Amino acid sequence: GRNIGKIQELVDVARSVDLSAEEAKEVLEARGFREAVDSDWSRARSMGVTAVPTFLLDQRFVVGAQPYEVLEELLTVSEVKKRHSGR
């Protein structure tokens, strides 16, 4: 796996999806989104999220990387609930 705690790894990821490596490096080094990220983390923790990735749908949490089938089941259960609740 990659160590996404290192700026160069994130710059490499940005480059791999055709984003400007230079701009990515500038933003990461300047920490231009620090307040927004900290706010998101705070909100997530207040909802009970303690790990990344965490998927939340209809008050159900699925924590960690999951196979497609697990996420499909989460969506299916949510859709069934909506149909039965009349939403």
C-alpha atoms as a PDB file:
ATOM      1  CA  GLY A   1       0.000   0.000   0.000  1.00  0.00           C
ATOM      2  CA  ARG A   2       0.872   3.631  -0.203  1.00  0.00           C
ATOM      3  CA  ASN A   3       1.648   5.898   2.725  1.00  0.00           C
ATOM      4  CA  ILE A   4      -0.814   8.718   2.069  1.00  0.00           C
ATOM      5  CA  GLY A   5       0.610  10.538   5.070  1.00  0.00           C
ATOM      6  CA  LYS A   6       3.505  11.580   2.840  1.00  0.00           C
ATOM      7  CA  ILE A   7       3.045  14.577   0.578  1.00  0.00           C
ATOM      8  CA  GLN A   8       4.990  13.019  -2.299  1.00  0.00           C
ATOM      9  CA  GLU A   9       2.658  10.001  -2.338  1.00  0.00           C
ATOM     10  CA  LEU A  10      -0.355  12.306  -2.640  1.00  0.00           C
ATOM     11  CA  VAL A  11       1.369  14.326  -5.355  1.00  0.00           C
ATOM     12  CA  ASP A  12       1.987  11.078  -7.244  1.00  0.00           C
ATOM     13  CA  VAL A  13      -1.692  10.153  -6.877  1.00  0.00           C
ATOM     14  CA  ALA A  14      -2.722  13.586  -8.174  1.00  0.00           C
ATOM     15  CA  ARG A  15      -0.414  13.194 -11.161  1.00  0.00           C
ATOM     16  CA  SER A  16      -1.807   9.702 -11.877  1.00  0.00           C
ATOM     17  CA  VAL A  17      -5.295  11.175 -12.370  1.00  0.00           C
ATOM     18  CA  ASP A  18      -4.058  14.029 -14.557  1.00  0.00           C
ATOM     19  CA  LEU A  19      -4.111  16.732 -11.890  1.00  0.00           C
ATOM     20  CA  SER A  20      -1.293  19.225 -11.681  1.00  0.00           C
ATOM     21  CA  ALA A  21       1.415  17.742  -9.479  1.00  0.00           C
ATOM     22  CA  GLU A  22       2.782  21.225  -8.799  1.00  0.00           C
ATOM     23  CA  GLU A  23      -0.582  22.590  -7.661  1.00  0.00           C
ATOM     24  CA  ALA A  24      -1.224  19.510  -5.546  1.00  0.00           C
ATOM     25  CA  LYS A  25       2.138  19.937  -3.834  1.00  0.00           C
ATOM     26  CA  GLU A  26       1.486  23.640  -3.194  1.00  0.00           C
ATOM     27  CA  VAL A  27      -1.923  22.975  -1.639  1.00  0.00           C
ATOM     28  CA  LEU A  28      -0.617  20.126   0.493  1.00  0.00           C
ATOM     29  CA  GLU A  29       2.412  22.042   1.748  1.00  0.00           C
ATOM     30  CA  ALA A  30       0.380  25.182   2.489  1.00  0.00           C
ATOM     31  CA  ARG A  31      -2.316  23.052   4.167  1.00  0.00           C
ATOM     32  CA  GLY A  32      -4.880  25.248   2.466  1.00  0.00           C
ATOM     33  CA  PHE A  33      -7.782  22.973   3.320  1.00  0.00           C
ATOM     34  CA  ARG A  34      -6.800  22.297   6.929  1.00  0.00           C
ATOM     35  CA  GLU A  35      -9.790  24.071   8.497  1.00  0.00           C
ATOM     36  CA  ALA A  36     -12.272  22.344   6.198  1.00  0.00           C
ATOM     37  CA  VAL A  37     -10.714  18.927   6.829  1.00  0.00           C
ATOM     38  CA  ASP A  38     -10.618  19.488  10.594  1.00  0.00           C
ATOM     39  CA  SER A  39     -14.266  20.540  10.518  1.00  0.00           C
ATOM     40  CA  ASP A  40     -15.218  17.423   8.551  1.00  0.00           C
ATOM     41  CA  TRP A  41     -13.312  15.201  11.008  1.00  0.00           C
ATOM     42  CA  SER A  42     -15.048  16.846  13.949  1.00  0.00           C
ATOM     43  CA  ARG A  43     -18.459  16.339  12.391  1.00  0.00           C
ATOM     44  CA  ALA A  44     -17.657  12.720  11.521  1.00  0.00           C
ATOM     45  CA  ARG A  45     -16.495  11.960  15.074  1.00  0.00           C
ATOM     46  CA  SER A  46     -19.687  13.489  16.474  1.00  0.00           C
ATOM     47  CA  MET A  47     -21.629  11.010  14.317  1.00  0.00           C
ATOM     48  CA  GLY A  48     -19.595   8.075  15.631  1.00  0.00           C
ATOM     49  CA  VAL A  49     -17.175   7.689  12.741  1.00  0.00           C
ATOM     50  CA  THR A  50     -13.776   6.546  13.997  1.00  0.00           C
ATOM     51  CA  ALA A  51     -12.144   5.064  10.895  1.00  0.00           C
ATOM     52  CA  VAL A  52     -11.620   5.752   7.215  1.00  0.00           C
ATOM     53  CA  PRO A  53     -13.287   4.686   5.085  1.00  0.00           C
ATOM     54  CA  THR A  54     -16.659   4.534   6.809  1.00  0.00           C
ATOM     55  CA  PHE A  55     -19.854   4.272   4.811  1.00  0.00           C
ATOM     56  CA  LEU A  56     -23.026   5.567   6.466  1.00  0.00           C
ATOM     57  CA  LEU A  57     -26.477   5.028   5.050  1.00  0.00           C
ATOM     58  CA  ASP A  58     -29.749   5.193   6.986  1.00  0.00           C
ATOM     59  CA  GLN A  59     -27.894   5.170  10.307  1.00  0.00           C
ATOM     60  CA  ARG A  60     -26.000   1.968   9.366  1.00  0.00           C
ATOM     61  CA  PHE A  61     -22.225   2.051   9.452  1.00  0.00           C
ATOM     62  CA  VAL A  62     -19.910  -0.109   7.387  1.00  0.00           C
ATOM     63  CA  VAL A  63     -16.315   0.433   8.444  1.00  0.00           C
ATOM     64  CA  GLY A  64     -13.222  -0.253   6.390  1.00  0.00           C
ATOM     65  CA  ALA A  65     -12.587  -1.206   2.801  1.00  0.00           C
ATOM     66  CA  GLN A  66     -15.387  -3.496   1.669  1.00  0.00           C
ATOM     67  CA  PRO A  67     -16.066  -5.694  -1.307  1.00  0.00           C
ATOM     68  CA  TYR A  68     -18.672  -4.544  -3.787  1.00  0.00           C
ATOM     69  CA  GLU A  69     -21.215  -7.061  -2.462  1.00  0.00           C
ATOM     70  CA  VAL A  70     -21.207  -5.543   1.030  1.00  0.00           C
ATOM     71  CA  LEU A  71     -21.877  -2.048  -0.308  1.00  0.00           C
ATOM     72  CA  GLU A  72     -24.534  -3.411  -2.651  1.00  0.00           C
ATOM     73  CA  GLU A  73     -26.276  -5.049   0.324  1.00  0.00           C
ATOM     74  CA  LEU A  74     -26.130  -1.784   2.277  1.00  0.00           C
ATOM     75  CA  LEU A  75     -27.852   0.022  -0.593  1.00  0.00           C
ATOM     76  CA  THR A  76     -30.398  -2.772  -1.069  1.00  0.00           C
ATOM     77  CA  VAL A  77     -31.367  -2.786   2.620  1.00  0.00           C
ATOM     78  CA  SER A  78     -31.731   0.994   2.521  1.00  0.00           C
ATOM     79  CA  GLU A  79     -33.984   0.831  -0.543  1.00  0.00           C
ATOM     80  CA  VAL A  80     -36.183  -1.858   1.048  1.00  0.00           C
ATOM     81  CA  LYS A  81     -36.534   0.273   4.196  1.00  0.00           C
ATOM     82  CA  LYS A  82     -37.579   3.276   2.118  1.00  0.00           C
ATOM     83  CA  ARG A  83     -40.210   1.269   0.252  1.00  0.00           C
ATOM     84  CA  HIS A  84     -41.710  -0.050   3.479  1.00  0.00           C
ATOM     85  CA  SER A  85     -41.692   3.329   5.190  1.00  0.00           C
ATOM     86  CA  GLY A  86     -43.391   5.085   2.278  1.00  0.00           C
ATOM     87  CA  ARG A  87     -40.521   7.538   1.660  1.00  0.00           C
END
